[in-house]
PDB file of N, CA and C in Angstrom:
ATOM      1  N   MET A   1      68.072  75.951  61.878  1.00  0.00           N
ATOM      2  CA  MET A   1      67.984  76.938  62.779  1.00  0.00           C
ATOM      3  C   MET A   1      68.733  76.459  64.084  1.00  0.00           C
ATOM      4  N   SER A   2      68.529  75.237  64.388  1.00  0.00           N
ATOM      5  CA  SER A   2      69.231  74.687  65.565  1.00  0.00           C
ATOM      6  C   SER A   2      70.805  74.660  65.425  1.00  0.00           C
ATOM      7  N   ALA A   3      71.291  74.346  64.284  1.00  0.00           N
ATOM      8  CA  ALA A   3      72.749  74.369  64.115  1.00  0.00           C
ATOM      9  C   ALA A   3      73.275  75.776  64.189  1.00  0.00           C
ATOM     10  N   THR A   4      72.530  76.723  63.570  1.00  0.00           N
ATOM     11  CA  THR A   4      72.995  78.057  63.669  1.00  0.00           C
ATOM     12  C   THR A   4      73.025  78.670  65.078  1.00  0.00           C
ATOM     13  N   LEU A   5      71.940  78.402  65.795  1.00  0.00           N
ATOM     14  CA  LEU A   5      71.937  78.852  67.225  1.00  0.00           C
ATOM     15  C   LEU A   5      73.018  78.177  68.120  1.00  0.00           C
ATOM     16  N   LYS A   6      73.372  76.926  67.780  1.00  0.00           N
ATOM     17  CA  LYS A   6      74.400  76.192  68.428  1.00  0.00           C
ATOM     18  C   LYS A   6      75.724  76.867  68.180  1.00  0.00           C
ATOM     19  N   LEU A   7      75.956  77.318  66.888  1.00  0.00           N
ATOM     20  CA  LEU A   7      77.140  78.147  66.639  1.00  0.00           C
ATOM     21  C   LEU A   7      77.403  79.327  67.540  1.00  0.00           C
ATOM     22  N   LEU A   8      76.177  79.982  67.839  1.00  0.00           N
ATOM     23  CA  LEU A   8      76.225  81.177  68.620  1.00  0.00           C
ATOM     24  C   LEU A   8      76.308  80.936  70.116  1.00  0.00           C
ATOM     25  N   SER A   9      76.286  79.733  70.500  1.00  0.00           N
ATOM     26  CA  SER A   9      76.239  79.402  71.891  1.00  0.00           C
ATOM     27  C   SER A   9      77.678  79.604  72.514  1.00  0.00           C
ATOM     28  N   ASP A  10      78.686  79.679  71.724  1.00  0.00           N
ATOM     29  CA  ASP A  10      80.003  79.971  72.215  1.00  0.00           C
ATOM     30  C   ASP A  10      80.304  81.442  72.365  1.00  0.00           C
ATOM     31  N   LYS A  11      80.845  81.813  73.481  1.00  0.00           N
ATOM     32  CA  LYS A  11      81.025  83.179  73.841  1.00  0.00           C
ATOM     33  C   LYS A  11      81.965  83.900  72.763  1.00  0.00           C
ATOM     34  N   SER A  12      82.990  83.202  72.353  1.00  0.00           N
ATOM     35  CA  SER A  12      83.944  83.843  71.404  1.00  0.00           C
ATOM     36  C   SER A  12      83.232  84.092  70.013  1.00  0.00           C
ATOM     37  N   ARG A  13      82.530  83.077  69.594  1.00  0.00           N
ATOM     38  CA  ARG A  13      81.804  83.268  68.339  1.00  0.00           C
ATOM     39  C   ARG A  13      80.711  84.358  68.391  1.00  0.00           C
ATOM     40  N   LEU A  14      80.024  84.420  69.489  1.00  0.00           N
ATOM     41  CA  LEU A  14      79.055  85.460  69.750  1.00  0.00           C
ATOM     42  C   LEU A  14      79.708  86.807  69.724  1.00  0.00           C
ATOM     43  N   SER A  15      80.913  86.875  70.323  1.00  0.00           N
ATOM     44  CA  SER A  15      81.688  88.181  70.342  1.00  0.00           C
ATOM     45  C   SER A  15      82.142  88.575  69.017  1.00  0.00           C
ATOM     46  N   ILE A  16      82.481  87.581  68.128  1.00  0.00           N
ATOM     47  CA  ILE A  16      82.840  87.833  66.779  1.00  0.00           C
ATOM     48  C   ILE A  16      81.595  88.442  66.000  1.00  0.00           C
ATOM     49  N   ILE A  17      80.517  87.841  66.185  1.00  0.00           N
ATOM     50  CA  ILE A  17      79.292  88.355  65.484  1.00  0.00           C
ATOM     51  C   ILE A  17      78.980  89.720  65.938  1.00  0.00           C
ATOM     52  N   ALA A  18      79.151  90.026  67.311  1.00  0.00           N
ATOM     53  CA  ALA A  18      78.911  91.378  67.800  1.00  0.00           C
ATOM     54  C   ALA A  18      79.832  92.382  67.110  1.00  0.00           C
ATOM     55  N   LEU A  19      81.106  92.011  66.933  1.00  0.00           N
ATOM     56  CA  LEU A  19      82.038  92.867  66.191  1.00  0.00           C
ATOM     57  C   LEU A  19      81.604  93.040  64.768  1.00  0.00           C
ATOM     58  N   LEU A  20      81.331  92.055  64.058  1.00  0.00           N
ATOM     59  CA  LEU A  20      80.998  92.121  62.592  1.00  0.00           C
ATOM     60  C   LEU A  20      79.690  92.818  62.340  1.00  0.00           C
ATOM     61  N   ARG A  21      78.853  92.912  63.334  1.00  0.00           N
ATOM     62  CA  ARG A  21      77.527  93.629  63.039  1.00  0.00           C
ATOM     63  C   ARG A  21      77.782  95.083  62.722  1.00  0.00           C
ATOM     64  N   HIS A  22      78.992  95.588  63.121  1.00  0.00           N
ATOM     65  CA  HIS A  22      79.374  96.970  62.860  1.00  0.00           C
ATOM     66  C   HIS A  22      79.973  97.114  61.509  1.00  0.00           C
ATOM     67  N   GLY A  23      80.345  95.991  60.811  1.00  0.00           N
ATOM     68  CA  GLY A  23      80.923  96.047  59.509  1.00  0.00           C
ATOM     69  C   GLY A  23      82.057  95.117  59.420  1.00  0.00           C
ATOM     70  N   GLU A  24      82.686  95.043  58.242  1.00  0.00           N
ATOM     71  CA  GLU A  24      83.767  94.224  57.875  1.00  0.00           C
ATOM     72  C   GLU A  24      84.972  94.364  58.791  1.00  0.00           C
ATOM     73  N   LEU A  25      85.719  93.341  59.117  1.00  0.00           N
ATOM     74  CA  LEU A  25      86.915  93.520  59.903  1.00  0.00           C
ATOM     75  C   LEU A  25      87.969  92.567  59.393  1.00  0.00           C
ATOM     76  N   CYS A  26      89.230  92.922  59.582  1.00  0.00           N
ATOM     77  CA  CYS A  26      90.393  92.082  59.206  1.00  0.00           C
ATOM     78  C   CYS A  26      90.504  91.124  60.445  1.00  0.00           C
ATOM     79  N   VAL A  27      91.039  89.919  60.056  1.00  0.00           N
ATOM     80  CA  VAL A  27      91.312  88.985  61.198  1.00  0.00           C
ATOM     81  C   VAL A  27      92.224  89.550  62.244  1.00  0.00           C
ATOM     82  N   CYS A  28      93.196  90.361  61.862  1.00  0.00           N
ATOM     83  CA  CYS A  28      94.104  90.891  62.814  1.00  0.00           C
ATOM     84  C   CYS A  28      93.347  91.909  63.908  1.00  0.00           C
ATOM     85  N   ASP A  29      92.326  92.559  63.406  1.00  0.00           N
ATOM     86  CA  ASP A  29      91.498  93.434  64.209  1.00  0.00           C
ATOM     87  C   ASP A  29      90.764  92.547  65.179  1.00  0.00           C
ATOM     88  N   ILE A  30      90.258  91.478  64.720  1.00  0.00           N
ATOM     89  CA  ILE A  30      89.407  90.589  65.597  1.00  0.00           C
ATOM     90  C   ILE A  30      90.284  89.918  66.755  1.00  0.00           C
ATOM     91  N   VAL A  31      91.457  89.544  66.313  1.00  0.00           N
ATOM     92  CA  VAL A  31      92.496  89.047  67.261  1.00  0.00           C
ATOM     93  C   VAL A  31      92.715  90.092  68.345  1.00  0.00           C
ATOM     94  N   ASP A  32      92.986  91.259  67.971  1.00  0.00           N
ATOM     95  CA  ASP A  32      93.370  92.355  68.925  1.00  0.00           C
ATOM     96  C   ASP A  32      92.172  92.678  69.802  1.00  0.00           C
ATOM     97  N   LEU A  33      90.986  92.845  69.192  1.00  0.00           N
ATOM     98  CA  LEU A  33      89.829  93.309  69.936  1.00  0.00           C
ATOM     99  C   LEU A  33      89.405  92.246  70.975  1.00  0.00           C
ATOM    100  N   LEU A  34      89.532  91.023  70.638  1.00  0.00           N
ATOM    101  CA  LEU A  34      89.165  89.922  71.548  1.00  0.00           C
ATOM    102  C   LEU A  34      90.262  89.400  72.456  1.00  0.00           C
ATOM    103  N   GLU A  35      91.454  89.998  72.236  1.00  0.00           N
ATOM    104  CA  GLU A  35      92.637  89.749  73.134  1.00  0.00           C
ATOM    105  C   GLU A  35      92.886  88.306  73.281  1.00  0.00           C
ATOM    106  N   THR A  36      93.008  87.587  72.158  1.00  0.00           N
ATOM    107  CA  THR A  36      93.356  86.165  72.149  1.00  0.00           C
ATOM    108  C   THR A  36      94.234  85.874  71.005  1.00  0.00           C
ATOM    109  N   THR A  37      94.500  84.624  70.731  1.00  0.00           N
ATOM    110  CA  THR A  37      95.483  84.260  69.717  1.00  0.00           C
ATOM    111  C   THR A  37      94.821  84.150  68.326  1.00  0.00           C
ATOM    112  N   GLN A  38      95.704  84.270  67.328  1.00  0.00           N
ATOM    113  CA  GLN A  38      95.243  84.108  65.979  1.00  0.00           C
ATOM    114  C   GLN A  38      94.688  82.728  65.659  1.00  0.00           C
ATOM    115  N   PRO A  39      95.350  81.713  66.102  1.00  0.00           N
ATOM    116  CA  PRO A  39      94.898  80.345  65.895  1.00  0.00           C
ATOM    117  C   PRO A  39      93.460  80.037  66.530  1.00  0.00           C
ATOM    118  N   ASN A  40      93.242  80.705  67.679  1.00  0.00           N
ATOM    119  CA  ASN A  40      91.983  80.490  68.335  1.00  0.00           C
ATOM    120  C   ASN A  40      90.871  81.201  67.594  1.00  0.00           C
ATOM    121  N   ILE A  41      91.113  82.387  67.143  1.00  0.00           N
ATOM    122  CA  ILE A  41      90.157  83.127  66.407  1.00  0.00           C
ATOM    123  C   ILE A  41      89.874  82.506  65.068  1.00  0.00           C
ATOM    124  N   SER A  42      90.910  81.952  64.400  1.00  0.00           N
ATOM    125  CA  SER A  42      90.833  81.246  63.037  1.00  0.00           C
ATOM    126  C   SER A  42      89.849  80.067  63.201  1.00  0.00           C
ATOM    127  N   GLN A  43      90.011  79.320  64.305  1.00  0.00           N
ATOM    128  CA  GLN A  43      89.081  78.165  64.500  1.00  0.00           C
ATOM    129  C   GLN A  43      87.641  78.588  64.621  1.00  0.00           C
ATOM    130  N   HIS A  44      87.384  79.652  65.362  1.00  0.00           N
ATOM    131  CA  HIS A  44      86.048  80.130  65.474  1.00  0.00           C
ATOM    132  C   HIS A  44      85.440  80.771  64.152  1.00  0.00           C
ATOM    133  N   LEU A  45      86.316  81.463  63.427  1.00  0.00           N
ATOM    134  CA  LEU A  45      85.927  82.036  62.125  1.00  0.00           C
ATOM    135  C   LEU A  45      85.653  80.938  61.146  1.00  0.00           C
ATOM    136  N   LYS A  46      86.403  79.806  61.177  1.00  0.00           N
ATOM    137  CA  LYS A  46      86.146  78.674  60.302  1.00  0.00           C
ATOM    138  C   LYS A  46      84.742  78.094  60.548  1.00  0.00           C
ATOM    139  N   LYS A  47      84.460  77.904  61.863  1.00  0.00           N
ATOM    140  CA  LYS A  47      83.182  77.336  62.166  1.00  0.00           C
ATOM    141  C   LYS A  47      82.071  78.310  61.710  1.00  0.00           C
ATOM    142  N   LEU A  48      82.192  79.589  61.913  1.00  0.00           N
ATOM    143  CA  LEU A  48      81.152  80.579  61.506  1.00  0.00           C
ATOM    144  C   LEU A  48      81.026  80.588  59.982  1.00  0.00           C
ATOM    145  N   ARG A  49      82.131  80.489  59.291  1.00  0.00           N
ATOM    146  CA  ARG A  49      82.112  80.492  57.840  1.00  0.00           C
ATOM    147  C   ARG A  49      81.504  79.189  57.351  1.00  0.00           C
ATOM    148  N   THR A  50      81.817  78.107  57.846  1.00  0.00           N
ATOM    149  CA  THR A  50      81.226  76.846  57.508  1.00  0.00           C
ATOM    150  C   THR A  50      79.752  76.782  57.723  1.00  0.00           C
ATOM    151  N   GLY A  51      79.353  77.453  58.874  1.00  0.00           N
ATOM    152  CA  GLY A  51      77.878  77.496  59.175  1.00  0.00           C
ATOM    153  C   GLY A  51      77.092  78.571  58.357  1.00  0.00           C
ATOM    154  N   GLY A  52      77.841  79.312  57.445  1.00  0.00           N
ATOM    155  CA  GLY A  52      77.200  80.216  56.580  1.00  0.00           C
ATOM    156  C   GLY A  52      76.840  81.566  57.328  1.00  0.00           C
ATOM    157  N   LEU A  53      77.444  81.861  58.517  1.00  0.00           N
ATOM    158  CA  LEU A  53      77.155  83.112  59.170  1.00  0.00           C
ATOM    159  C   LEU A  53      78.013  84.327  58.766  1.00  0.00           C
ATOM    160  N   ILE A  54      79.165  84.010  58.210  1.00  0.00           N
ATOM    161  CA  ILE A  54      80.133  85.030  57.814  1.00  0.00           C
ATOM    162  C   ILE A  54      80.733  84.760  56.462  1.00  0.00           C
ATOM    163  N   ASN A  55      81.064  85.874  55.825  1.00  0.00           N
ATOM    164  CA  ASN A  55      81.839  85.722  54.530  1.00  0.00           C
ATOM    165  C   ASN A  55      83.275  86.044  54.759  1.00  0.00           C
ATOM    166  N   GLU A  56      84.213  85.453  53.972  1.00  0.00           N
ATOM    167  CA  GLU A  56      85.570  85.704  53.981  1.00  0.00           C
ATOM    168  C   GLU A  56      86.040  86.273  52.698  1.00  0.00           C
ATOM    169  N   GLU A  57      86.837  87.274  52.706  1.00  0.00           N
ATOM    170  CA  GLU A  57      87.431  87.853  51.513  1.00  0.00           C
ATOM    171  C   GLU A  57      88.939  87.994  51.741  1.00  0.00           C
ATOM    172  N   ARG A  58      89.800  87.435  50.870  1.00  0.00           N
ATOM    173  CA  ARG A  58      91.221  87.573  50.973  1.00  0.00           C
ATOM    174  C   ARG A  58      91.675  88.757  50.204  1.00  0.00           C
ATOM    175  N   ARG A  59      92.535  89.616  50.859  1.00  0.00           N
ATOM    176  CA  ARG A  59      93.199  90.714  50.219  1.00  0.00           C
ATOM    177  C   ARG A  59      94.626  90.662  50.686  1.00  0.00           C
ATOM    178  N   SER A  60      95.467  90.420  49.736  1.00  0.00           N
ATOM    179  CA  SER A  60      96.858  90.275  50.021  1.00  0.00           C
ATOM    180  C   SER A  60      97.069  89.240  51.067  1.00  0.00           C
ATOM    181  N   GLN A  61      97.867  89.487  52.053  1.00  0.00           N
ATOM    182  CA  GLN A  61      98.008  88.479  53.125  1.00  0.00           C
ATOM    183  C   GLN A  61      96.941  88.479  54.168  1.00  0.00           C
ATOM    184  N   TRP A  62      95.958  89.332  54.113  1.00  0.00           N
ATOM    185  CA  TRP A  62      94.899  89.500  55.227  1.00  0.00           C
ATOM    186  C   TRP A  62      93.615  88.870  54.715  1.00  0.00           C
ATOM    187  N   SER A  63      92.814  88.340  55.678  1.00  0.00           N
ATOM    188  CA  SER A  63      91.496  87.922  55.465  1.00  0.00           C
ATOM    189  C   SER A  63      90.489  88.858  56.126  1.00  0.00           C
ATOM    190  N   TYR A  64      89.577  89.259  55.411  1.00  0.00           N
ATOM    191  CA  TYR A  64      88.499  90.201  56.000  1.00  0.00           C
ATOM    192  C   TYR A  64      87.211  89.410  56.062  1.00  0.00           C
ATOM    193  N   TYR A  65      86.506  89.719  57.152  1.00  0.00           N
ATOM    194  CA  TYR A  65      85.237  88.955  57.376  1.00  0.00           C
ATOM    195  C   TYR A  65      84.112  89.940  57.549  1.00  0.00           C
ATOM    196  N   SER A  66      82.921  89.452  57.142  1.00  0.00           N
ATOM    197  CA  SER A  66      81.707  90.296  57.244  1.00  0.00           C
ATOM    198  C   SER A  66      80.488  89.276  57.492  1.00  0.00           C
ATOM    199  N   LEU A  67      79.419  89.820  58.083  1.00  0.00           N
ATOM    200  CA  LEU A  67      78.260  89.018  58.376  1.00  0.00           C
ATOM    201  C   LEU A  67      77.628  88.544  57.159  1.00  0.00           C
ATOM    202  N   ASN A  68      77.039  87.404  57.223  1.00  0.00           N
ATOM    203  CA  ASN A  68      76.252  86.739  56.078  1.00  0.00           C
ATOM    204  C   ASN A  68      74.918  86.255  56.654  1.00  0.00           C
ATOM    205  N   VAL A  69      74.104  87.060  57.075  1.00  0.00           N
ATOM    206  CA  VAL A  69      72.849  86.628  57.817  1.00  0.00           C
ATOM    207  C   VAL A  69      71.600  87.219  57.164  1.00  0.00           C
ATOM    208  N   ALA A  70      71.708  87.744  55.926  1.00  0.00           N
ATOM    209  CA  ALA A  70      70.538  88.274  55.236  1.00  0.00           C
ATOM    210  C   ALA A  70      69.489  87.264  55.108  1.00  0.00           C
ATOM    211  N   ASP A  71      69.858  86.035  54.821  1.00  0.00           N
ATOM    212  CA  ASP A  71      68.946  84.932  54.615  1.00  0.00           C
ATOM    213  C   ASP A  71      68.485  84.207  55.928  1.00  0.00           C
ATOM    214  N   LYS A  72      68.840  84.843  57.119  1.00  0.00           N
ATOM    215  CA  LYS A  72      68.481  84.281  58.315  1.00  0.00           C
ATOM    216  C   LYS A  72      67.863  85.313  59.157  1.00  0.00           C
ATOM    217  N   PRO A  73      66.594  85.733  58.791  1.00  0.00           N
ATOM    218  CA  PRO A  73      65.883  86.794  59.546  1.00  0.00           C
ATOM    219  C   PRO A  73      65.683  86.518  61.052  1.00  0.00           C
ATOM    220  N   TYR A  74      65.604  85.251  61.394  1.00  0.00           N
ATOM    221  CA  TYR A  74      65.414  84.867  62.768  1.00  0.00           C
ATOM    222  C   TYR A  74      66.615  85.273  63.707  1.00  0.00           C
ATOM    223  N   LEU A  75      67.760  85.629  63.036  1.00  0.00           N
ATOM    224  CA  LEU A  75      68.957  86.089  63.831  1.00  0.00           C
ATOM    225  C   LEU A  75      68.895  87.531  64.088  1.00  0.00           C
ATOM    226  N   LYS A  76      68.127  88.291  63.389  1.00  0.00           N
ATOM    227  CA  LYS A  76      68.179  89.749  63.536  1.00  0.00           C
ATOM    228  C   LYS A  76      67.938  90.221  64.923  1.00  0.00           C
ATOM    229  N   GLN A  77      66.953  89.603  65.624  1.00  0.00           N
ATOM    230  CA  GLN A  77      66.663  90.008  67.019  1.00  0.00           C
ATOM    231  C   GLN A  77      67.795  89.625  68.005  1.00  0.00           C
ATOM    232  N   VAL A  78      68.405  88.508  67.760  1.00  0.00           N
ATOM    233  CA  VAL A  78      69.515  88.076  68.523  1.00  0.00           C
ATOM    234  C   VAL A  78      70.727  89.061  68.362  1.00  0.00           C
ATOM    235  N   ILE A  79      71.066  89.331  67.200  1.00  0.00           N
ATOM    236  CA  ILE A  79      72.168  90.203  66.814  1.00  0.00           C
ATOM    237  C   ILE A  79      71.960  91.549  67.323  1.00  0.00           C
ATOM    238  N   ASP A  80      70.655  92.095  67.156  1.00  0.00           N
ATOM    239  CA  ASP A  80      70.337  93.405  67.702  1.00  0.00           C
ATOM    240  C   ASP A  80      70.561  93.588  69.143  1.00  0.00           C
ATOM    241  N   GLN A  81      70.377  92.462  69.864  1.00  0.00           N
ATOM    242  CA  GLN A  81      70.480  92.553  71.331  1.00  0.00           C
ATOM    243  C   GLN A  81      71.897  92.531  71.828  1.00  0.00           C
ATOM    244  N   LEU A  82      72.880  92.180  71.013  1.00  0.00           N
ATOM    245  CA  LEU A  82      74.218  92.154  71.355  1.00  0.00           C
ATOM    246  C   LEU A  82      74.771  93.528  71.754  1.00  0.00           C
ATOM    247  N   PRO A  83      75.637  93.665  72.753  1.00  0.00           N
ATOM    248  CA  PRO A  83      76.139  94.945  73.124  1.00  0.00           C
ATOM    249  C   PRO A  83      76.943  95.481  72.051  1.00  0.00           C
ATOM    250  N   SER A  84      76.899  96.790  71.887  1.00  0.00           N
ATOM    251  CA  SER A  84      77.694  97.557  70.826  1.00  0.00           C
ATOM    252  C   SER A  84      79.205  97.455  71.214  1.00  0.00           C
ATOM    253  N   MET A  85      80.046  97.273  70.176  1.00  0.00           N
ATOM    254  CA  MET A  85      81.409  97.243  70.353  1.00  0.00           C
ATOM    255  C   MET A  85      82.094  98.291  69.508  1.00  0.00           C
ATOM    256  N   GLN A  86      81.304  99.192  69.055  1.00  0.00           N
ATOM    257  CA  GLN A  86      81.783 100.271  68.130  1.00  0.00           C
ATOM    258  C   GLN A  86      82.970 101.070  68.758  1.00  0.00           C
ATOM    259  N   GLU A  87      82.903 101.449  70.094  1.00  0.00           N
ATOM    260  CA  GLU A  87      84.027 102.159  70.644  1.00  0.00           C
ATOM    261  C   GLU A  87      85.339 101.420  70.500  1.00  0.00           C
ATOM    262  N   GLN A  88      85.236 100.162  70.786  1.00  0.00           N
ATOM    263  CA  GLN A  88      86.476  99.363  70.780  1.00  0.00           C
ATOM    264  C   GLN A  88      87.030  99.255  69.313  1.00  0.00           C
ATOM    265  N   ILE A  89      86.119  99.110  68.400  1.00  0.00           N
ATOM    266  CA  ILE A  89      86.446  98.988  66.993  1.00  0.00           C
ATOM    267  C   ILE A  89      87.052 100.329  66.504  1.00  0.00           C
ATOM    268  N   ASP A  90      86.490 101.454  66.863  1.00  0.00           N
ATOM    269  CA  ASP A  90      86.979 102.765  66.527  1.00  0.00           C
ATOM    270  C   ASP A  90      88.395 102.943  66.909  1.00  0.00           C
ATOM    271  N   ALA A  91      88.706 102.470  68.224  1.00  0.00           N
ATOM    272  CA  ALA A  91      90.012 102.737  68.843  1.00  0.00           C
ATOM    273  C   ALA A  91      90.993 101.853  68.055  1.00  0.00           C
ATOM    274  N   ARG A  92      90.683 100.654  67.667  1.00  0.00           N
ATOM    275  CA  ARG A  92      91.482  99.676  66.940  1.00  0.00           C
ATOM    276  C   ARG A  92      91.828 100.204  65.540  1.00  0.00           C
ATOM    277  N   GLN A  93      90.818 100.809  64.858  1.00  0.00           N
ATOM    278  CA  GLN A  93      91.000 101.229  63.481  1.00  0.00           C
ATOM    279  C   GLN A  93      92.059 102.343  63.381  1.00  0.00           C
ATOM    280  N   SER A  94      92.276 102.969  64.437  1.00  0.00           N
ATOM    281  CA  SER A  94      93.309 104.076  64.359  1.00  0.00           C
ATOM    282  C   SER A  94      94.656 103.578  64.300  1.00  0.00           C
ATOM    283  N   ARG A  95      94.851 102.253  64.695  1.00  0.00           N
ATOM    284  CA  ARG A  95      96.203 101.577  64.653  1.00  0.00           C
ATOM    285  C   ARG A  95      96.449 100.870  63.397  1.00  0.00           C
ATOM    286  N   GLY A  96      95.478 100.182  62.819  1.00  0.00           N
ATOM    287  CA  GLY A  96      95.652  99.482  61.523  1.00  0.00           C
ATOM    288  C   GLY A  96      96.383  98.147  61.733  1.00  0.00           C
ATOM    289  N   CYS A  97      96.393  97.324  60.716  1.00  0.00           N
ATOM    290  CA  CYS A  97      96.986  95.941  60.829  1.00  0.00           C
ATOM    291  C   CYS A  97      98.486  96.144  60.356  1.00  0.00           C
ATOM    292  N   THR A  98      99.291  95.330  60.982  1.00  0.00           N
ATOM    293  CA  THR A  98     100.715  95.390  60.594  1.00  0.00           C
ATOM    294  C   THR A  98     101.187  94.022  60.086  1.00  0.00           C
TER     295      THR A  98
END
């Protein structure tokens, strides 16, 4: 539990979890929504994936990420307290990945 909570102590990783709680996202969406670089986001996604908090699925040239916390019920309350980012996600989905 300590290692998992340590992963969430970083603002960027916590923001990624907040985004993914609304559903699967492409890495390009995450980069755009968090207004940072792809290498930066990739490093955070790698740590979250290695820590078992997210799943990665490759489709063509894109990687899609989703939460993987069903086996970590102690995170439910933490994730439920994160601010909703649904409006930002909805605005981004209308543009799509290029």
